[in-house]
Protein backbone atom coordinates (compact mmCIF):
# COMPACT_ATOMS: atom_id res chain seq x y z
CA MET A 1 13.96 27.07 -17.36
CA SER A 2 13.37 24.89 -13.84
CA GLU A 3 15.04 21.58 -13.61
CA ILE A 4 12.75 18.59 -11.88
CA LYS A 5 14.91 17.31 -9.74
CA VAL A 6 14.24 13.63 -7.21
CA PRO A 7 12.80 15.10 -3.74
CA ALA A 8 14.57 13.40 -0.53
CA MET A 9 12.83 10.86 0.01
CA GLY A 10 13.97 9.35 3.71
CA GLU A 11 17.05 7.54 5.38
CA SER A 12 16.98 4.69 4.39
CA ILE A 13 15.98 5.43 0.29
CA THR A 14 18.45 6.56 -2.03
CA GLU A 15 16.96 5.86 -4.95
CA GLY A 16 13.80 5.27 -7.43
CA THR A 17 12.39 4.02 -10.19
CA VAL A 18 10.51 6.01 -12.83
CA SER A 19 7.06 4.55 -12.40
CA ARG A 20 4.85 6.77 -15.56
CA TRP A 21 5.29 10.29 -16.26
CA MET A 22 1.68 11.83 -16.12
CA VAL A 23 2.45 14.39 -18.28
CA LYS A 24 4.12 14.82 -22.13
CA GLU A 25 6.41 16.97 -23.46
CA GLY A 26 4.80 20.42 -24.43
CA GLU A 27 1.83 20.22 -22.48
CA THR A 28 1.05 22.78 -20.00
CA VAL A 29 0.73 22.48 -16.81
CA ASN A 30 -0.14 24.05 -13.10
CA GLN A 31 1.70 23.85 -10.28
CA GLY A 32 0.87 21.28 -8.04
CA ASP A 33 -0.30 19.02 -10.86
CA VAL A 34 1.51 15.91 -10.34
CA LEU A 35 4.35 15.36 -13.09
CA LEU A 36 4.95 11.76 -12.71
CA GLU A 37 4.86 9.30 -9.99
CA LEU A 38 8.68 7.56 -8.77
CA GLU A 39 8.18 3.72 -7.43
CA THR A 40 10.66 3.40 -4.25
CA ASP A 41 11.12 -0.25 -2.08
CA LYS A 42 8.49 1.28 0.47
CA VAL A 43 6.15 3.29 -1.53
CA ASN A 44 4.89 5.44 -4.90
CA ILE A 45 5.35 9.22 -4.46
CA GLU A 46 4.22 11.21 -6.86
CA ILE A 47 6.24 14.22 -7.93
CA SER A 48 4.27 17.88 -8.22
CA ALA A 49 5.16 21.11 -10.09
CA GLU A 50 6.99 23.38 -8.24
CA GLU A 51 5.31 26.32 -10.55
CA SER A 52 3.24 26.30 -13.73
CA GLY A 53 4.36 25.99 -17.44
CA VAL A 54 5.23 23.35 -19.70
CA LEU A 55 6.32 20.54 -19.67
CA GLU A 56 9.73 21.02 -21.91
CA LYS A 57 11.94 17.54 -22.05
CA ILE A 58 11.44 14.57 -20.14
CA ILE A 59 15.66 13.17 -19.28
CA ARG A 60 14.83 9.60 -17.63
CA GLN A 61 11.79 7.62 -19.34
CA GLU A 62 9.53 5.45 -17.21
CA GLY A 63 11.62 2.00 -16.15
CA GLU A 64 14.44 4.17 -15.22
CA THR A 65 16.58 4.01 -12.44
CA VAL A 66 17.16 7.77 -10.70
CA GLU A 67 19.05 8.84 -7.95
CA ILE A 68 18.29 11.14 -5.38
CA GLY A 69 18.68 14.46 -6.63
CA GLU A 70 19.07 14.14 -10.39
CA THR A 71 17.49 16.12 -12.55
CA ILE A 72 14.97 14.01 -14.16
CA GLY A 73 12.99 16.94 -17.15
CA THR A 74 12.55 20.65 -17.66
CA LEU A 75 10.23 22.37 -17.17
CA SER A 76 9.72 26.15 -18.83
CA ALA A 77 8.32 29.20 -16.50
CA GLY A 78 4.98 30.53 -17.73
CA SER A 79 1.95 29.58 -19.78
CA GLY A 80 3.06 29.73 -23.33
CA GLY A 81 3.16 27.26 -25.88
CA GLY A 82 1.14 24.29 -23.82
CA SER A 83 -0.36 22.88 -26.25
CA GLY A 84 3.46 22.11 -27.55
CA ALA A 85 1.81 23.41 -31.20
CA PRO A 86 4.75 24.82 -33.61
CA ALA A 87 5.96 27.99 -34.04
CA SER A 88 3.39 27.99 -37.58
CA GLU A 89 0.00 28.29 -35.22
CA PRO A 90 -0.70 32.01 -35.48
CA ALA A 91 -0.86 31.75 -39.10
CA ALA A 92 -2.94 28.43 -38.51
CA THR A 93 -4.96 30.32 -35.92
CA GLU A 94 -6.14 33.84 -38.43
CA GLU A 95 -7.20 30.94 -41.82
CA LYS A 96 -9.66 29.56 -39.02
CA LYS A 97 -10.30 32.59 -37.72
CA ALA A 98 -11.55 33.85 -41.33
CA ALA A 99 -13.18 30.92 -42.26
CA THR A 100 -15.25 30.78 -38.66
CA PRO A 101 -17.85 33.45 -38.47
CA ALA A 102 -17.49 33.21 -34.40
CA PRO A 103 -14.50 32.21 -33.20
CA GLU A 104 -14.29 31.83 -29.92
CA ALA A 105 -10.54 30.46 -29.18
CA PRO A 106 -8.18 32.77 -27.10
CA THR A 107 -5.20 34.14 -29.18
CA PRO A 108 -2.22 32.55 -29.54
CA SER A 109 -0.41 33.80 -25.88
CA ALA A 110 -2.84 33.55 -24.00
CA PRO A 111 -2.82 30.81 -21.34
CA VAL A 112 -4.22 27.39 -22.54
CA ALA A 113 -7.64 27.42 -20.29
CA ALA A 114 -7.59 24.08 -17.89
CA ALA A 115 -10.62 21.64 -18.41
CA PRO A 116 -14.33 22.06 -16.28
CA GLU A 117 -13.33 21.66 -12.86
CA SER A 118 -16.81 21.72 -11.11
CA SER A 119 -16.92 18.34 -9.46
CA ASP A 120 -13.10 18.83 -8.01
CA SER A 121 -15.45 20.72 -4.81
CA ALA A 122 -17.48 18.08 -4.52
CA LYS A 123 -15.39 15.42 -3.64
CA THR A 124 -11.80 15.41 -1.34
CA ALA A 125 -9.84 14.08 -4.57
CA SER A 126 -5.85 13.30 -4.16
CA PRO A 127 -3.95 15.42 -6.96
CA SER A 128 -3.17 12.72 -9.39
CA ALA A 129 -6.61 11.28 -9.28
CA ARG A 130 -8.20 15.49 -10.41
CA LYS A 131 -5.44 14.83 -13.74
CA LEU A 132 -6.83 11.36 -14.14
CA ALA A 133 -10.52 12.86 -13.89
CA ARG A 134 -9.50 15.55 -16.43
CA GLU A 135 -7.78 13.74 -19.02
CA ARG A 136 -11.02 11.17 -19.52
CA GLY A 137 -13.19 13.43 -18.98
CA ILE A 138 -14.77 12.14 -15.97
CA GLU A 139 -16.78 14.18 -13.09
CA LEU A 140 -15.67 13.12 -10.24
CA ASP A 141 -19.11 13.27 -8.33
CA GLN A 142 -20.12 10.40 -10.62
CA VAL A 143 -17.01 7.81 -9.35
CA GLN A 144 -17.85 5.76 -6.13
CA SER A 145 -14.95 5.91 -3.60
CA LYS A 146 -13.35 3.21 -1.71
CA ASP A 147 -12.28 4.78 1.13
CA PRO A 148 -13.83 5.01 4.14
CA ILE A 149 -13.44 9.05 4.43
CA GLY A 150 -15.13 9.27 0.50
CA ARG A 151 -11.73 10.36 -0.82
CA VAL A 152 -11.18 9.96 -4.45
CA TYR A 153 -7.89 7.84 -5.09
CA GLN A 154 -6.25 7.32 -8.78
CA ASP A 155 -7.50 3.85 -9.08
CA ASP A 156 -10.94 4.58 -8.45
CA VAL A 157 -10.87 6.72 -11.19
CA LYS A 158 -9.36 3.98 -13.56
CA SER A 159 -12.03 1.85 -11.66
CA HIS A 160 -14.67 3.76 -13.00
CA SER A 161 -13.01 4.31 -16.16
CA ASN A 162 -12.57 0.76 -17.04
CA GLN A 163 -16.60 0.30 -16.22
CA ALA A 164 -17.72 2.79 -18.96
CA PRO A 165 -17.28 2.73 -22.30
CA ALA A 166 -13.04 3.39 -22.94
CA PRO A 167 -11.20 5.29 -26.38
CA ALA A 168 -9.71 3.49 -28.12
CA ALA A 169 -6.21 2.09 -26.91
CA PRO A 170 -2.74 1.37 -27.98
CA PRO A 171 -3.37 -3.13 -29.47
CA ALA A 172 -1.91 -4.41 -26.08
CA THR A 173 1.80 -6.65 -26.91
CA LYS A 174 0.05 -10.29 -28.36
CA ALA A 175 1.89 -13.37 -26.85
CA PRO A 176 3.85 -14.90 -29.84
CA ALA A 177 1.63 -17.07 -32.31
CA ALA A 178 1.20 -20.71 -31.96
CA PRO A 179 4.14 -22.54 -34.27
CA SER A 180 2.83 -24.21 -37.03
CA ALA A 181 2.38 -27.83 -36.42
CA PRO A 182 5.04 -29.40 -36.66
CA ALA A 183 6.39 -31.54 -39.92
CA ALA A 184 5.59 -35.51 -39.92
CA GLY A 185 8.24 -36.89 -37.00
CA SER A 186 9.32 -33.73 -35.64
CA SER A 187 9.48 -32.82 -31.57
CA THR A 188 9.60 -29.37 -31.87
CA TYR A 189 6.66 -27.29 -30.35
CA THR A 190 7.25 -23.91 -28.72
CA LYS A 191 5.11 -23.92 -25.86
CA PRO A 192 3.50 -20.40 -24.84
CA VAL A 193 5.33 -17.60 -21.63
CA GLU A 194 4.70 -14.54 -20.65
CA ARG A 195 7.63 -13.19 -19.40
CA GLN A 196 6.55 -10.04 -16.87
CA ARG A 197 9.57 -7.97 -15.12
CA MET A 198 9.33 -7.81 -11.41
CA SER A 199 8.61 -4.33 -10.11
CA ARG A 200 11.06 -2.19 -7.95
CA ARG A 201 8.91 -3.14 -4.74
CA ARG A 202 8.65 -6.84 -5.35
CA ALA A 203 12.28 -7.41 -5.91
CA THR A 204 12.57 -5.27 -2.72
CA ILE A 205 10.53 -7.65 -1.23
CA ALA A 206 12.09 -11.01 -2.97
CA LYS A 207 15.94 -9.84 -1.30
CA ARG A 208 14.85 -8.50 2.31
CA LEU A 209 12.83 -12.27 2.60
CA VAL A 210 15.96 -14.22 1.55
CA GLU A 211 18.05 -12.10 4.50
CA ALA A 212 15.70 -12.58 6.33
CA GLN A 213 16.05 -16.43 6.30
CA GLN A 214 19.63 -16.12 5.81
CA THR A 215 20.65 -13.98 8.44
CA ALA A 216 18.06 -14.81 11.37
CA ALA A 217 17.82 -18.21 13.52
CA MET A 218 14.27 -18.36 12.50
CA LEU A 219 11.79 -20.96 14.32
CA THR A 220 8.55 -20.74 15.15
CA THR A 221 6.40 -22.20 17.27
CA PHE A 222 2.38 -23.18 16.98
CA ASN A 223 -0.57 -22.56 19.38
CA GLU A 224 -4.61 -22.27 19.51
CA VAL A 225 -7.04 -20.05 20.26
CA ASP A 226 -11.04 -20.49 21.64
CA MET A 227 -12.00 -17.31 20.07
CA THR A 228 -15.74 -17.64 22.03
CA ALA A 229 -15.33 -15.38 24.01
CA ILE A 230 -13.78 -12.22 21.49
CA MET A 231 -16.92 -13.57 19.61
CA ASP A 232 -20.09 -13.21 21.73
CA VAL A 233 -17.71 -9.71 23.27
CA ARG A 234 -18.22 -8.64 19.50
CA LYS A 235 -21.81 -9.58 19.30
CA ARG A 236 -22.61 -8.22 22.46
CA ARG A 237 -20.62 -4.85 22.34
CA LYS A 238 -20.55 -3.91 17.89
CA ASP A 239 -23.49 -2.41 17.57
CA LYS A 240 -22.97 0.47 20.63
CA PHE A 241 -19.27 0.28 19.62
CA LYS A 242 -19.88 1.37 16.17
CA GLU A 243 -22.27 3.76 17.66
CA LYS A 244 -19.87 5.73 19.60
CA HIS A 245 -16.71 5.61 18.00
CA GLU A 246 -17.94 5.24 14.41
CA ILE A 247 -15.61 1.81 13.13
CA ASN A 248 -16.30 -1.24 13.76
CA LEU A 249 -14.98 -3.34 16.71
CA GLY A 250 -12.96 -5.94 14.66
CA PHE A 251 -10.22 -9.19 15.62
CA MET A 252 -6.71 -6.78 15.24
CA SER A 253 -7.65 -4.31 18.18
CA PHE A 254 -7.79 -7.49 20.53
CA PHE A 255 -4.80 -8.97 19.04
CA THR A 256 -3.17 -5.58 19.02
CA LYS A 257 -3.87 -5.44 23.02
CA ALA A 258 -3.08 -9.18 23.81
CA VAL A 259 0.58 -9.06 21.65
CA VAL A 260 1.26 -5.78 23.74
CA GLY A 261 0.24 -7.24 27.35
CA ALA A 262 2.68 -10.53 26.66
CA LEU A 263 5.47 -7.98 24.91
CA LYS A 264 6.12 -6.38 28.38
CA LYS A 265 6.57 -9.94 29.94
CA PHE A 266 9.13 -10.75 27.47
CA PRO A 267 10.74 -7.65 26.29
CA THR A 268 13.54 -9.69 24.09
CA ILE A 269 10.73 -10.35 21.83
CA ASN A 270 10.10 -7.06 21.57
CA ALA A 271 13.80 -5.99 20.86
CA GLU A 272 16.63 -6.31 17.80
CA ILE A 273 20.21 -6.84 17.21
CA ASP A 274 22.43 -4.32 16.44
CA GLY A 275 25.84 -6.05 16.29
CA GLU A 276 27.03 -8.36 19.66
CA ASP A 277 23.86 -5.65 21.53
CA VAL A 278 20.51 -6.30 22.16
CA VAL A 279 18.11 -3.15 22.30
CA LEU A 280 15.36 -3.53 23.94
CA LYS A 281 12.75 -0.65 23.29
CA LYS A 282 10.24 0.26 25.62
CA TYR A 283 7.95 1.67 23.34
CA TYR A 284 5.50 -0.33 21.61
CA ASP A 285 4.64 0.52 17.98
CA ILE A 286 3.43 -2.49 16.35
CA GLY A 287 3.09 -3.65 12.41
CA ILE A 288 0.32 -4.43 10.72
CA ALA A 289 1.60 -6.83 7.76
CA VAL A 290 -1.07 -5.54 5.03
CA SER A 291 -1.34 -7.24 1.04
CA ALA A 292 -1.95 -4.19 -1.45
CA LYS A 293 -1.68 -4.53 -5.66
CA GLU A 294 1.89 -4.16 -5.78
CA GLY A 295 3.12 -6.09 -3.06
CA LEU A 296 3.06 -6.69 1.07
CA VAL A 297 3.40 -3.50 2.97
CA VAL A 298 3.68 -3.38 6.83
CA PRO A 299 2.38 0.31 7.78
CA VAL A 300 2.97 1.00 11.88
CA VAL A 301 0.36 1.46 14.58
CA ARG A 302 2.18 3.83 17.35
CA ASP A 303 2.31 3.64 20.69
CA ALA A 304 -0.37 0.73 21.15
CA ASP A 305 0.19 0.74 24.28
CA ARG A 306 -1.52 3.99 24.70
CA LEU A 307 -4.49 3.24 22.85
CA GLY A 308 -7.69 2.22 23.15
CA PHE A 309 -9.50 -0.56 21.26
CA ALA A 310 -11.38 1.77 18.82
CA GLU A 311 -8.12 4.35 18.70
CA ILE A 312 -6.39 1.20 17.49
CA GLU A 313 -8.86 -0.10 15.25
CA LYS A 314 -8.95 3.44 13.31
CA SER A 315 -5.35 3.28 13.21
CA ILE A 316 -5.48 0.34 10.65
CA ALA A 317 -8.34 1.17 8.73
CA ASP A 318 -6.79 4.30 8.25
CA LEU A 319 -2.72 2.36 7.52
CA ALA A 320 -5.14 -0.18 5.20
CA SER A 321 -7.08 2.41 3.37
CA LYS A 322 -3.65 4.39 2.09
CA ALA A 323 -2.08 0.84 1.40
CA ARG A 324 -4.78 0.40 -1.23
CA SER A 325 -4.94 3.43 -2.46
CA ASN A 326 -0.88 3.26 -2.77
CA THR A 327 -0.74 7.01 -0.79
CA LEU A 328 1.78 5.97 2.57
CA ALA A 329 4.04 7.72 3.51
CA LEU A 330 7.65 6.39 4.40
CA SER A 331 6.87 7.58 8.48
CA ASP A 332 3.54 5.43 7.90
CA LEU A 333 5.69 2.15 7.39
CA GLN A 334 9.01 2.89 9.48
CA GLY A 335 10.18 1.76 13.09
CA GLY A 336 8.11 -1.25 13.87
CA THR A 337 9.03 -3.23 16.90
CA PHE A 338 6.70 -6.77 15.92
CA THR A 339 4.59 -6.92 13.76
CA ILE A 340 1.46 -9.00 13.15
CA THR A 341 0.20 -10.72 10.30
CA ASN A 342 -3.62 -11.80 9.66
CA GLY A 343 -3.45 -14.52 6.48
CA GLY A 344 -6.07 -15.66 8.08
CA THR A 345 -8.25 -13.44 6.08
CA PHE A 346 -7.37 -15.22 2.51
CA GLY A 347 -8.02 -18.54 4.43
CA SER A 348 -4.37 -19.82 5.51
CA LEU A 349 -5.86 -22.46 7.62
CA LEU A 350 -1.68 -22.63 9.80
CA SER A 351 1.79 -20.92 7.96
CA THR A 352 4.99 -20.22 9.08
CA PRO A 353 4.97 -15.83 9.39
CA ILE A 354 8.85 -14.58 7.80
CA LEU A 355 10.19 -11.82 10.72
CA ASN A 356 10.26 -8.47 9.53
CA THR A 357 13.72 -7.65 10.37
CA PRO A 358 15.60 -6.42 12.01
CA GLN A 359 12.24 -6.71 14.03
CA VAL A 360 12.50 -9.90 16.31
CA GLY A 361 9.33 -11.82 16.37
CA ILE A 362 6.13 -11.50 13.81
CA LEU A 363 2.92 -13.22 15.26
CA GLY A 364 0.34 -15.16 12.52
CA MET A 365 -3.10 -15.44 12.89
CA HIS A 366 -4.96 -17.75 10.72
CA LYS A 367 -8.56 -18.60 9.55
CA ILE A 368 -11.18 -18.87 13.12
CA GLN A 369 -12.63 -22.31 11.76
CA LEU A 370 -15.47 -24.54 13.84
CA ARG A 371 -13.84 -27.81 15.66
CA PRO A 372 -14.49 -30.21 18.32
CA VAL A 373 -12.52 -29.50 21.42
CA ALA A 374 -13.50 -31.68 24.67
CA ILE A 375 -15.02 -29.09 27.52
CA ASP A 376 -13.61 -31.87 29.87
CA ALA A 377 -13.90 -35.80 30.54
CA GLU A 378 -17.53 -36.04 29.71
CA ARG A 379 -18.44 -32.82 27.21
CA MET A 380 -17.39 -32.07 23.79
CA GLU A 381 -18.16 -28.57 21.76
CA ASN A 382 -18.02 -27.13 18.44
CA ARG A 383 -15.97 -24.17 19.25
CA PRO A 384 -14.62 -21.52 16.90
CA MET A 385 -10.63 -22.31 17.44
CA MET A 386 -7.83 -19.99 15.64
CA TYR A 387 -4.51 -21.56 15.17
CA ILE A 388 -1.84 -19.14 15.70
CA ALA A 389 2.34 -18.94 15.38
CA LEU A 390 5.16 -17.04 16.40
CA SER A 391 7.89 -16.88 14.41
CA TYR A 392 11.31 -15.64 16.03
CA ASP A 393 14.91 -15.49 15.51
CA HIS A 394 16.18 -18.03 18.29
CA ARG A 395 20.09 -15.57 18.20
CA ILE A 396 18.60 -14.90 21.31
CA ILE A 397 14.60 -15.67 22.21
CA ASP A 398 14.87 -19.02 23.79
CA GLY A 399 12.42 -21.55 22.93
CA SER A 400 11.08 -21.55 26.24
CA GLU A 401 10.78 -17.60 26.26
CA ALA A 402 8.46 -17.99 22.54
CA VAL A 403 6.51 -20.47 23.99
CA ARG A 404 5.13 -18.51 26.92
CA PHE A 405 5.03 -15.51 25.19
CA LEU A 406 2.39 -17.50 23.03
CA VAL A 407 0.68 -19.21 25.80
CA THR A 408 0.23 -15.47 27.13
CA VAL A 409 -0.94 -14.04 23.53
CA LYS A 410 -3.54 -16.78 24.12
CA GLU A 411 -4.89 -16.66 27.53
CA LEU A 412 -5.51 -13.11 27.06
CA LEU A 413 -7.22 -13.79 23.87
CA GLU A 414 -9.56 -16.27 25.61
CA ASP A 415 -10.39 -13.50 28.66
CA PRO A 416 -10.52 -10.58 26.98
CA GLU A 417 -11.46 -8.71 29.90
CA SER A 418 -8.37 -9.03 31.04
CA LEU A 419 -7.16 -7.08 27.90
CA LEU A 420 -8.18 -3.56 29.88
CA ILE A 421 -5.78 -4.80 32.88
CA GLU A 422 -2.94 -5.88 30.86
CA GLY A 423 -2.81 -3.62 28.27
């Protein structure tokens, strides 16, 4: 018998929450099968069986907090007893043999056969997606993947399952029944509410956002960018760009390049505070905020100053796909030096982003909107304009420095060809 323990998950993570057990006590598992999903402050981690056997006991239940190295279950080696049937099963099997002219069931000591996996070879899928597909009798070839490279994840299987007729599920928890009408002259009435527990990640996000506002002297400065030149470049180059690099030419690569160029001119904005020291970082790992199901995550594009436009676009697309399929690794989230967040994708016209501590700067992008712009004293034109916002830590960044940084970003974006030189 072997113990199922919580694995080490990085220096900054010491505990997690059991999100969901994928198997039940008494069920047979194969080596590599996902046993449970563990939710941490940053990512969800799947814990797989290190050997084939039977899940003997679940020690820590769903929703419980567990620490690194803690035993959360036990697994017995071997293949016997996979169905969880009682010891009297052999006798029952013999009775079944007598009643059935052509028995096909294996002997009690033989391992339980796994469900057919003919579809597994046709598509690349995560272990949890394969297991869920087997449990629900779904062929992976029929599952539509949202991943750019076609990999099937657990959410894809769930979406496919929800579209098809599903087996009867246990009744959902009902809201409290509305009370009967109050008696005449009485004003008592209980209004319906629903209480939901925060996920571990949402609670962590809430805590860190409050800490950022309490510990940093945060201030925000604004400007606006005329997006005409960038939109013209994208219009002229997008087809050839996609044909050559197999990725769309988006706005994020322009903004990432512009941010790197501005950070090189104003290195304090690419720093952090350590006690009474200012740590100036000579590298440019740019965090890109992504909205995922469990909340905002900020995966990092490494060494963005060394990447071309296509490499940046591919990195961002890959990280965003991982975020939405809940497959980000801790290494994807650690060590950013500056963050970019794009509220414009949701229609935000103007907002004040909160610092992603210990970083001291974050750039907010917003919705592109046609607005009348004075070209000169005689002419007005409708131009595609975007408000941009820089939130910064005033403890080490002066207002004039922040304003000049944002002006530099604006100038680089309005002259996209300069990004090839400044980047």
